[in-house]
Amino acid sequence: MAKQHLLLVVLVACILHAAGTTNSANSTVEAAAATVYDVLAQNNLPRGLIPKGVQSYVLHAGGALEVTLPGECNFFVTVAGKQFKFRYGSSVGGVIKSGSISQVHGVRMQAAFAWLGFNQVQRVGDTLTITLENTKQSFPVSAFAQSPSCT
């Protein structure tokens, strides 16, 4: 009976230790990327690529990122006196890697009189290049330093 009791105590201690280790590891991961803005920063991308008001986000293995906003979001980015209008759907995302987001979905930019979807965002030095459906547009990283508010 004493051996069974000792075995039970050892088993419970092992389970509690494993659970504590898992929780510690999850806490470290969560602390490292507590928000979607932290995920952007960890990948050398400015926080202003995602507007304020994020309801939730999921970062999957392999870098697939899904962000949920309260609804459609429109905002302007002004560079050298020129305004660029952006429109985010309520669900946006892509595949995030260091310095880039590819396979972007749910984001459009107004170019002349057309709304063009994003394909990719890439950072090289202090420049962000956004690849649209049939063109590229470059911006200084500083234009996206702050998360915009939706209108």
N, C-alpha and C. Protein backbone atom coordinates (compact mmCIF):
# COMPACT_ATOMS: atom_id res chain seq x y z
N MET A 1 0.82 -1.18 0.00
CA MET A 1 0.00 0.00 0.00
C MET A 1 0.87 1.25 0.00
N ALA A 2 1.97 1.25 0.75
CA ALA A 2 2.85 2.40 0.82
C ALA A 2 3.49 2.66 -0.54
N LYS A 3 3.83 1.58 -1.28
CA LYS A 3 4.43 1.75 -2.60
C LYS A 3 3.43 2.39 -3.56
N GLN A 4 2.16 1.97 -3.48
CA GLN A 4 1.13 2.55 -4.35
C GLN A 4 0.93 4.03 -4.03
N HIS A 5 0.93 4.37 -2.75
CA HIS A 5 0.76 5.76 -2.33
C HIS A 5 1.94 6.60 -2.82
N LEU A 6 3.15 6.07 -2.68
CA LEU A 6 4.35 6.78 -3.13
C LEU A 6 4.30 6.96 -4.65
N LEU A 7 3.90 5.93 -5.38
CA LEU A 7 3.80 6.00 -6.83
C LEU A 7 2.78 7.06 -7.24
N LEU A 8 1.65 7.12 -6.54
CA LEU A 8 0.63 8.12 -6.83
C LEU A 8 1.17 9.54 -6.59
N VAL A 9 1.89 9.74 -5.50
CA VAL A 9 2.47 11.05 -5.18
C VAL A 9 3.47 11.45 -6.26
N VAL A 10 4.33 10.52 -6.68
CA VAL A 10 5.32 10.81 -7.73
C VAL A 10 4.61 11.14 -9.03
N LEU A 11 3.59 10.40 -9.39
CA LEU A 11 2.84 10.64 -10.62
C LEU A 11 2.18 12.02 -10.60
N VAL A 12 1.54 12.37 -9.49
CA VAL A 12 0.91 13.69 -9.38
C VAL A 12 1.96 14.79 -9.45
N ALA A 13 3.09 14.60 -8.80
CA ALA A 13 4.16 15.60 -8.83
C ALA A 13 4.67 15.78 -10.27
N CYS A 14 4.82 14.69 -11.00
CA CYS A 14 5.28 14.78 -12.39
C CYS A 14 4.27 15.53 -13.26
N ILE A 15 2.99 15.23 -13.07
CA ILE A 15 1.95 15.90 -13.85
C ILE A 15 1.93 17.40 -13.52
N LEU A 16 2.00 17.73 -12.24
CA LEU A 16 2.00 19.14 -11.85
C LEU A 16 3.24 19.86 -12.37
N HIS A 17 4.38 19.19 -12.33
CA HIS A 17 5.60 19.80 -12.86
C HIS A 17 5.48 20.04 -14.36
N ALA A 18 4.97 19.06 -15.08
CA ALA A 18 4.79 19.21 -16.54
C ALA A 18 3.80 20.32 -16.84
N ALA A 19 2.72 20.40 -16.10
CA ALA A 19 1.72 21.46 -16.31
C ALA A 19 2.33 22.82 -16.01
N GLY A 20 3.11 22.90 -14.95
CA GLY A 20 3.76 24.16 -14.61
C GLY A 20 4.76 24.57 -15.68
N THR A 21 5.50 23.63 -16.23
CA THR A 21 6.47 23.93 -17.29
C THR A 21 5.75 24.41 -18.53
N THR A 22 4.64 23.75 -18.89
CA THR A 22 3.88 24.16 -20.07
C THR A 22 3.33 25.57 -19.88
N ASN A 23 2.76 25.84 -18.72
CA ASN A 23 2.22 27.18 -18.47
C ASN A 23 3.31 28.23 -18.52
N SER A 24 4.48 27.94 -17.97
CA SER A 24 5.58 28.90 -18.02
C SER A 24 5.99 29.17 -19.46
N ALA A 25 6.09 28.12 -20.25
CA ALA A 25 6.48 28.30 -21.65
C ALA A 25 5.42 29.11 -22.39
N ASN A 26 4.14 28.81 -22.15
CA ASN A 26 3.09 29.58 -22.82
C ASN A 26 3.11 31.03 -22.37
N SER A 27 3.35 31.27 -21.10
CA SER A 27 3.40 32.65 -20.61
C SER A 27 4.53 33.41 -21.27
N THR A 28 5.67 32.74 -21.46
CA THR A 28 6.80 33.40 -22.12
C THR A 28 6.44 33.74 -23.56
N VAL A 29 5.83 32.81 -24.26
CA VAL A 29 5.43 33.07 -25.64
C VAL A 29 4.40 34.19 -25.69
N GLU A 30 3.40 34.13 -24.80
CA GLU A 30 2.38 35.17 -24.78
C GLU A 30 2.98 36.52 -24.43
N ALA A 31 3.92 36.55 -23.49
CA ALA A 31 4.54 37.83 -23.11
C ALA A 31 5.36 38.37 -24.27
N ALA A 32 5.99 37.48 -25.03
CA ALA A 32 6.82 37.93 -26.15
C ALA A 32 5.96 38.50 -27.27
N ALA A 33 4.75 38.01 -27.43
CA ALA A 33 3.85 38.49 -28.49
C ALA A 33 2.45 38.67 -27.92
N ALA A 34 2.33 39.59 -26.99
CA ALA A 34 1.06 39.81 -26.31
C ALA A 34 0.00 40.41 -27.23
N THR A 35 0.43 41.16 -28.24
CA THR A 35 -0.50 41.79 -29.17
C THR A 35 -0.03 41.57 -30.60
N VAL A 36 -0.90 41.84 -31.53
CA VAL A 36 -0.52 41.73 -32.93
C VAL A 36 0.56 42.76 -33.27
N TYR A 37 0.57 43.88 -32.55
CA TYR A 37 1.59 44.90 -32.77
C TYR A 37 2.96 44.39 -32.34
N ASP A 38 3.00 43.53 -31.31
CA ASP A 38 4.25 42.89 -30.90
C ASP A 38 4.73 41.93 -31.99
N VAL A 39 3.80 41.22 -32.63
CA VAL A 39 4.16 40.31 -33.72
C VAL A 39 4.79 41.11 -34.86
N LEU A 40 4.20 42.27 -35.18
CA LEU A 40 4.79 43.13 -36.22
C LEU A 40 6.20 43.54 -35.83
N ALA A 41 6.37 44.03 -34.60
CA ALA A 41 7.69 44.50 -34.13
C ALA A 41 8.72 43.38 -34.17
N GLN A 42 8.32 42.18 -33.78
CA GLN A 42 9.24 41.04 -33.79
C GLN A 42 9.68 40.68 -35.20
N ASN A 43 8.91 41.11 -36.19
CA ASN A 43 9.24 40.82 -37.59
C ASN A 43 9.73 42.07 -38.32
N ASN A 44 10.21 43.06 -37.56
CA ASN A 44 10.80 44.27 -38.11
C ASN A 44 9.83 45.03 -39.02
N LEU A 45 8.57 45.06 -38.63
CA LEU A 45 7.54 45.79 -39.37
C LEU A 45 6.89 46.81 -38.46
N PRO A 46 6.48 47.96 -38.99
CA PRO A 46 5.90 49.00 -38.14
C PRO A 46 4.47 48.66 -37.71
N ARG A 47 4.11 49.10 -36.51
CA ARG A 47 2.80 48.82 -35.93
C ARG A 47 1.67 49.43 -36.74
N GLY A 48 1.94 50.50 -37.46
CA GLY A 48 0.91 51.19 -38.23
C GLY A 48 0.38 50.42 -39.42
N LEU A 49 0.91 49.23 -39.67
CA LEU A 49 0.34 48.39 -40.73
C LEU A 49 -1.00 47.81 -40.30
N ILE A 50 -1.27 47.81 -39.00
CA ILE A 50 -2.54 47.31 -38.47
C ILE A 50 -3.21 48.47 -37.72
N PRO A 51 -4.46 48.81 -38.08
CA PRO A 51 -5.13 49.92 -37.40
C PRO A 51 -5.48 49.59 -35.95
N LYS A 52 -5.83 50.63 -35.20
CA LYS A 52 -6.29 50.46 -33.82
C LYS A 52 -7.62 49.70 -33.82
N GLY A 53 -7.91 49.08 -32.70
CA GLY A 53 -9.21 48.42 -32.53
C GLY A 53 -9.23 46.94 -32.83
N VAL A 54 -8.08 46.30 -32.88
CA VAL A 54 -8.03 44.85 -33.16
C VAL A 54 -8.83 44.12 -32.09
N GLN A 55 -9.74 43.26 -32.55
CA GLN A 55 -10.53 42.45 -31.61
C GLN A 55 -9.79 41.18 -31.22
N SER A 56 -9.12 40.57 -32.20
CA SER A 56 -8.36 39.35 -31.91
C SER A 56 -7.39 39.10 -33.05
N TYR A 57 -6.43 38.23 -32.78
CA TYR A 57 -5.52 37.78 -33.84
C TYR A 57 -5.08 36.36 -33.53
N VAL A 58 -4.68 35.66 -34.59
CA VAL A 58 -4.14 34.32 -34.47
C VAL A 58 -2.89 34.26 -35.33
N LEU A 59 -1.80 33.79 -34.75
CA LEU A 59 -0.56 33.57 -35.49
C LEU A 59 -0.34 32.07 -35.53
N HIS A 60 -0.47 31.49 -36.72
CA HIS A 60 -0.32 30.05 -36.89
C HIS A 60 1.13 29.68 -37.12
N ALA A 61 1.46 28.42 -36.91
CA ALA A 61 2.79 27.93 -37.25
C ALA A 61 3.01 28.20 -38.73
N GLY A 62 4.21 28.57 -39.09
CA GLY A 62 4.50 28.89 -40.48
C GLY A 62 4.27 30.36 -40.80
N GLY A 63 3.74 31.13 -39.84
CA GLY A 63 3.61 32.57 -40.01
C GLY A 63 2.29 33.09 -40.52
N ALA A 64 1.31 32.23 -40.78
CA ALA A 64 0.00 32.72 -41.23
C ALA A 64 -0.63 33.53 -40.10
N LEU A 65 -0.96 34.77 -40.40
CA LEU A 65 -1.51 35.70 -39.42
C LEU A 65 -2.91 36.10 -39.83
N GLU A 66 -3.85 36.00 -38.90
CA GLU A 66 -5.24 36.41 -39.13
C GLU A 66 -5.60 37.44 -38.07
N VAL A 67 -6.12 38.59 -38.51
CA VAL A 67 -6.48 39.67 -37.61
C VAL A 67 -7.96 40.00 -37.81
N THR A 68 -8.68 40.15 -36.71
CA THR A 68 -10.10 40.51 -36.76
C THR A 68 -10.28 41.92 -36.22
N LEU A 69 -10.91 42.76 -37.03
CA LEU A 69 -11.24 44.14 -36.66
C LEU A 69 -12.75 44.22 -36.41
N PRO A 70 -13.23 45.27 -35.74
CA PRO A 70 -14.67 45.37 -35.45
C PRO A 70 -15.54 45.52 -36.70
N GLY A 71 -14.96 45.96 -37.78
CA GLY A 71 -15.70 46.15 -39.03
C GLY A 71 -14.75 46.71 -40.07
N GLU A 72 -15.30 47.16 -41.18
CA GLU A 72 -14.45 47.76 -42.21
C GLU A 72 -13.75 48.99 -41.65
N CYS A 73 -12.53 49.21 -42.06
CA CYS A 73 -11.72 50.31 -41.53
C CYS A 73 -11.10 51.08 -42.68
N ASN A 74 -11.33 52.38 -42.71
CA ASN A 74 -10.74 53.26 -43.71
C ASN A 74 -9.86 54.28 -43.01
N PHE A 75 -8.71 54.58 -43.62
CA PHE A 75 -7.84 55.62 -43.08
C PHE A 75 -6.92 56.13 -44.18
N PHE A 76 -6.31 57.27 -43.91
CA PHE A 76 -5.39 57.89 -44.84
C PHE A 76 -3.97 57.86 -44.29
N VAL A 77 -3.02 57.71 -45.18
CA VAL A 77 -1.60 57.87 -44.86
C VAL A 77 -1.12 59.01 -45.74
N THR A 78 -0.52 60.03 -45.10
CA THR A 78 -0.04 61.19 -45.84
C THR A 78 1.48 61.15 -45.93
N VAL A 79 1.97 61.24 -47.16
CA VAL A 79 3.40 61.25 -47.42
C VAL A 79 3.69 62.39 -48.38
N ALA A 80 4.57 63.29 -47.96
CA ALA A 80 4.97 64.44 -48.79
C ALA A 80 3.76 65.20 -49.32
N GLY A 81 2.76 65.38 -48.46
CA GLY A 81 1.58 66.14 -48.83
C GLY A 81 0.55 65.38 -49.66
N LYS A 82 0.84 64.15 -50.01
CA LYS A 82 -0.09 63.34 -50.80
C LYS A 82 -0.77 62.32 -49.89
N GLN A 83 -2.10 62.22 -50.02
CA GLN A 83 -2.85 61.27 -49.21
C GLN A 83 -3.11 59.97 -49.96
N PHE A 84 -2.91 58.86 -49.25
CA PHE A 84 -3.20 57.54 -49.77
C PHE A 84 -4.29 56.94 -48.89
N LYS A 85 -5.37 56.47 -49.51
CA LYS A 85 -6.49 55.92 -48.73
C LYS A 85 -6.37 54.39 -48.70
N PHE A 86 -6.52 53.86 -47.50
CA PHE A 86 -6.47 52.41 -47.28
C PHE A 86 -7.82 51.94 -46.76
N ARG A 87 -8.18 50.73 -47.13
CA ARG A 87 -9.42 50.11 -46.66
C ARG A 87 -9.10 48.69 -46.20
N TYR A 88 -9.41 48.42 -44.93
CA TYR A 88 -9.21 47.10 -44.35
C TYR A 88 -10.59 46.49 -44.12
N GLY A 89 -10.74 45.24 -44.49
CA GLY A 89 -11.97 44.51 -44.17
C GLY A 89 -11.97 44.13 -42.70
N SER A 90 -13.05 43.50 -42.26
CA SER A 90 -13.12 43.11 -40.85
C SER A 90 -12.20 41.93 -40.55
N SER A 91 -11.75 41.24 -41.58
CA SER A 91 -10.79 40.14 -41.42
C SER A 91 -9.67 40.36 -42.42
N VAL A 92 -8.45 40.51 -41.90
CA VAL A 92 -7.28 40.73 -42.75
C VAL A 92 -6.18 39.78 -42.32
N GLY A 93 -5.22 39.60 -43.19
CA GLY A 93 -4.12 38.73 -42.81
C GLY A 93 -3.15 38.50 -43.93
N GLY A 94 -2.26 37.56 -43.69
CA GLY A 94 -1.22 37.19 -44.64
C GLY A 94 -0.23 36.29 -43.95
N VAL A 95 0.88 36.07 -44.61
CA VAL A 95 1.94 35.25 -44.06
C VAL A 95 3.08 36.19 -43.68
N ILE A 96 3.38 36.25 -42.39
CA ILE A 96 4.38 37.19 -41.88
C ILE A 96 5.71 36.49 -41.66
N LYS A 97 6.75 37.13 -42.14
CA LYS A 97 8.13 36.69 -41.93
C LYS A 97 8.94 37.94 -41.65
N SER A 98 10.15 37.78 -41.25
CA SER A 98 10.98 38.94 -40.93
C SER A 98 11.05 39.90 -42.12
N GLY A 99 10.52 41.09 -41.92
CA GLY A 99 10.59 42.13 -42.93
C GLY A 99 9.55 42.06 -44.03
N SER A 100 8.59 41.13 -43.94
CA SER A 100 7.58 41.08 -45.01
C SER A 100 6.30 40.39 -44.57
N ILE A 101 5.25 40.72 -45.30
CA ILE A 101 3.97 40.01 -45.20
C ILE A 101 3.57 39.69 -46.63
N SER A 102 3.40 38.43 -46.93
CA SER A 102 2.99 38.01 -48.28
C SER A 102 1.58 37.42 -48.22
N GLN A 103 1.03 37.15 -49.37
CA GLN A 103 -0.32 36.57 -49.48
C GLN A 103 -1.34 37.38 -48.67
N VAL A 104 -1.19 38.70 -48.74
CA VAL A 104 -2.06 39.61 -47.98
C VAL A 104 -3.49 39.49 -48.49
N HIS A 105 -4.43 39.46 -47.57
CA HIS A 105 -5.85 39.46 -47.95
C HIS A 105 -6.61 40.42 -47.05
N GLY A 106 -7.69 40.99 -47.60
CA GLY A 106 -8.56 41.87 -46.84
C GLY A 106 -8.13 43.32 -46.80
N VAL A 107 -7.08 43.70 -47.55
CA VAL A 107 -6.56 45.07 -47.52
C VAL A 107 -6.51 45.60 -48.94
N ARG A 108 -6.98 46.85 -49.10
CA ARG A 108 -6.97 47.51 -50.42
C ARG A 108 -6.45 48.93 -50.26
N MET A 109 -5.89 49.45 -51.34
CA MET A 109 -5.43 50.84 -51.36
C MET A 109 -6.01 51.50 -52.60
N GLN A 110 -6.46 52.74 -52.42
CA GLN A 110 -7.02 53.45 -53.56
C GLN A 110 -5.88 54.04 -54.39
N ALA A 111 -5.87 53.68 -55.66
CA ALA A 111 -4.88 54.20 -56.60
C ALA A 111 -5.66 54.83 -57.75
N ALA A 112 -5.55 56.16 -57.88
CA ALA A 112 -6.37 56.91 -58.84
C ALA A 112 -7.83 56.66 -58.48
N PHE A 113 -8.59 56.04 -59.38
CA PHE A 113 -10.02 55.81 -59.12
C PHE A 113 -10.35 54.36 -58.84
N ALA A 114 -9.33 53.53 -58.69
CA ALA A 114 -9.54 52.10 -58.48
C ALA A 114 -9.05 51.69 -57.09
N TRP A 115 -9.69 50.67 -56.54
CA TRP A 115 -9.23 50.06 -55.30
C TRP A 115 -8.44 48.82 -55.67
N LEU A 116 -7.17 48.79 -55.30
CA LEU A 116 -6.31 47.66 -55.65
C LEU A 116 -5.96 46.87 -54.39
N GLY A 117 -6.01 45.55 -54.52
CA GLY A 117 -5.67 44.68 -53.40
C GLY A 117 -4.18 44.56 -53.22
N PHE A 118 -3.77 44.37 -51.97
CA PHE A 118 -2.36 44.14 -51.66
C PHE A 118 -2.00 42.72 -52.02
N ASN A 119 -0.77 42.51 -52.45
CA ASN A 119 -0.21 41.17 -52.58
C ASN A 119 0.86 40.95 -51.52
N GLN A 120 1.66 42.01 -51.28
CA GLN A 120 2.79 41.87 -50.37
C GLN A 120 3.20 43.23 -49.81
N VAL A 121 3.76 43.20 -48.61
CA VAL A 121 4.39 44.36 -47.99
C VAL A 121 5.80 43.92 -47.63
N GLN A 122 6.79 44.71 -48.04
CA GLN A 122 8.17 44.34 -47.76
C GLN A 122 8.94 45.54 -47.24
N ARG A 123 9.70 45.31 -46.19
CA ARG A 123 10.54 46.37 -45.64
C ARG A 123 11.99 46.13 -46.05
N VAL A 124 12.59 47.17 -46.60
CA VAL A 124 14.02 47.17 -46.88
C VAL A 124 14.56 48.47 -46.32
N GLY A 125 15.34 48.39 -45.26
CA GLY A 125 15.85 49.59 -44.60
C GLY A 125 14.71 50.42 -44.05
N ASP A 126 14.64 51.68 -44.44
CA ASP A 126 13.60 52.58 -43.97
C ASP A 126 12.47 52.75 -44.97
N THR A 127 12.35 51.80 -45.90
CA THR A 127 11.31 51.88 -46.93
C THR A 127 10.41 50.66 -46.88
N LEU A 128 9.09 50.92 -46.95
CA LEU A 128 8.10 49.85 -47.11
C LEU A 128 7.63 49.88 -48.55
N THR A 129 7.69 48.75 -49.21
CA THR A 129 7.17 48.66 -50.57
C THR A 129 5.93 47.77 -50.52
N ILE A 130 4.83 48.35 -51.00
CA ILE A 130 3.57 47.62 -51.06
C ILE A 130 3.35 47.21 -52.50
N THR A 131 3.26 45.91 -52.73
CA THR A 131 2.97 45.39 -54.06
C THR A 131 1.47 45.25 -54.18
N LEU A 132 0.91 45.98 -55.12
CA LEU A 132 -0.53 45.95 -55.38
C LEU A 132 -0.77 45.00 -56.55
N GLU A 133 -1.99 44.96 -57.04
CA GLU A 133 -2.34 44.02 -58.11
C GLU A 133 -1.46 44.18 -59.35
N ASN A 134 -1.17 45.43 -59.73
CA ASN A 134 -0.39 45.62 -60.96
C ASN A 134 0.64 46.73 -60.84
N THR A 135 0.98 47.11 -59.62
CA THR A 135 1.93 48.19 -59.42
C THR A 135 2.56 48.07 -58.04
N LYS A 136 3.57 48.88 -57.79
CA LYS A 136 4.20 48.94 -56.47
C LYS A 136 4.18 50.38 -56.00
N GLN A 137 4.06 50.55 -54.70
CA GLN A 137 4.08 51.88 -54.10
C GLN A 137 5.01 51.82 -52.89
N SER A 138 5.97 52.74 -52.84
CA SER A 138 6.90 52.78 -51.71
C SER A 138 6.54 53.90 -50.75
N PHE A 139 6.76 53.64 -49.47
CA PHE A 139 6.48 54.60 -48.41
C PHE A 139 7.65 54.58 -47.43
N PRO A 140 7.90 55.69 -46.76
CA PRO A 140 8.86 55.63 -45.66
C PRO A 140 8.24 54.84 -44.50
N VAL A 141 9.04 54.06 -43.81
CA VAL A 141 8.54 53.28 -42.68
C VAL A 141 7.87 54.21 -41.67
N SER A 142 8.39 55.42 -41.53
CA SER A 142 7.84 56.38 -40.56
C SER A 142 6.38 56.73 -40.83
N ALA A 143 5.91 56.56 -42.06
CA ALA A 143 4.50 56.83 -42.38
C ALA A 143 3.56 55.85 -41.68
N PHE A 144 4.12 54.73 -41.22
CA PHE A 144 3.33 53.70 -40.54
C PHE A 144 3.80 53.50 -39.10
N ALA A 145 4.40 54.53 -38.52
CA ALA A 145 4.94 54.42 -37.16
C ALA A 145 3.83 54.26 -36.13
N GLN A 146 2.68 54.88 -36.35
CA GLN A 146 1.57 54.81 -35.40
C GLN A 146 0.38 54.10 -36.05
N SER A 147 -0.33 53.32 -35.25
CA SER A 147 -1.52 52.64 -35.76
C SER A 147 -2.60 53.68 -36.01
N PRO A 148 -3.17 53.68 -37.22
CA PRO A 148 -4.21 54.66 -37.53
C PRO A 148 -5.54 54.31 -36.89
N SER A 149 -6.36 55.33 -36.73
CA SER A 149 -7.73 55.14 -36.25
C SER A 149 -8.64 54.97 -37.46
N CYS A 150 -9.61 54.12 -37.33
CA CYS A 150 -10.56 53.88 -38.44
C CYS A 150 -11.58 55.00 -38.52
N THR A 151 -12.02 55.27 -39.75
CA THR A 151 -13.10 56.25 -39.95
C THR A 151 -14.29 55.56 -40.55
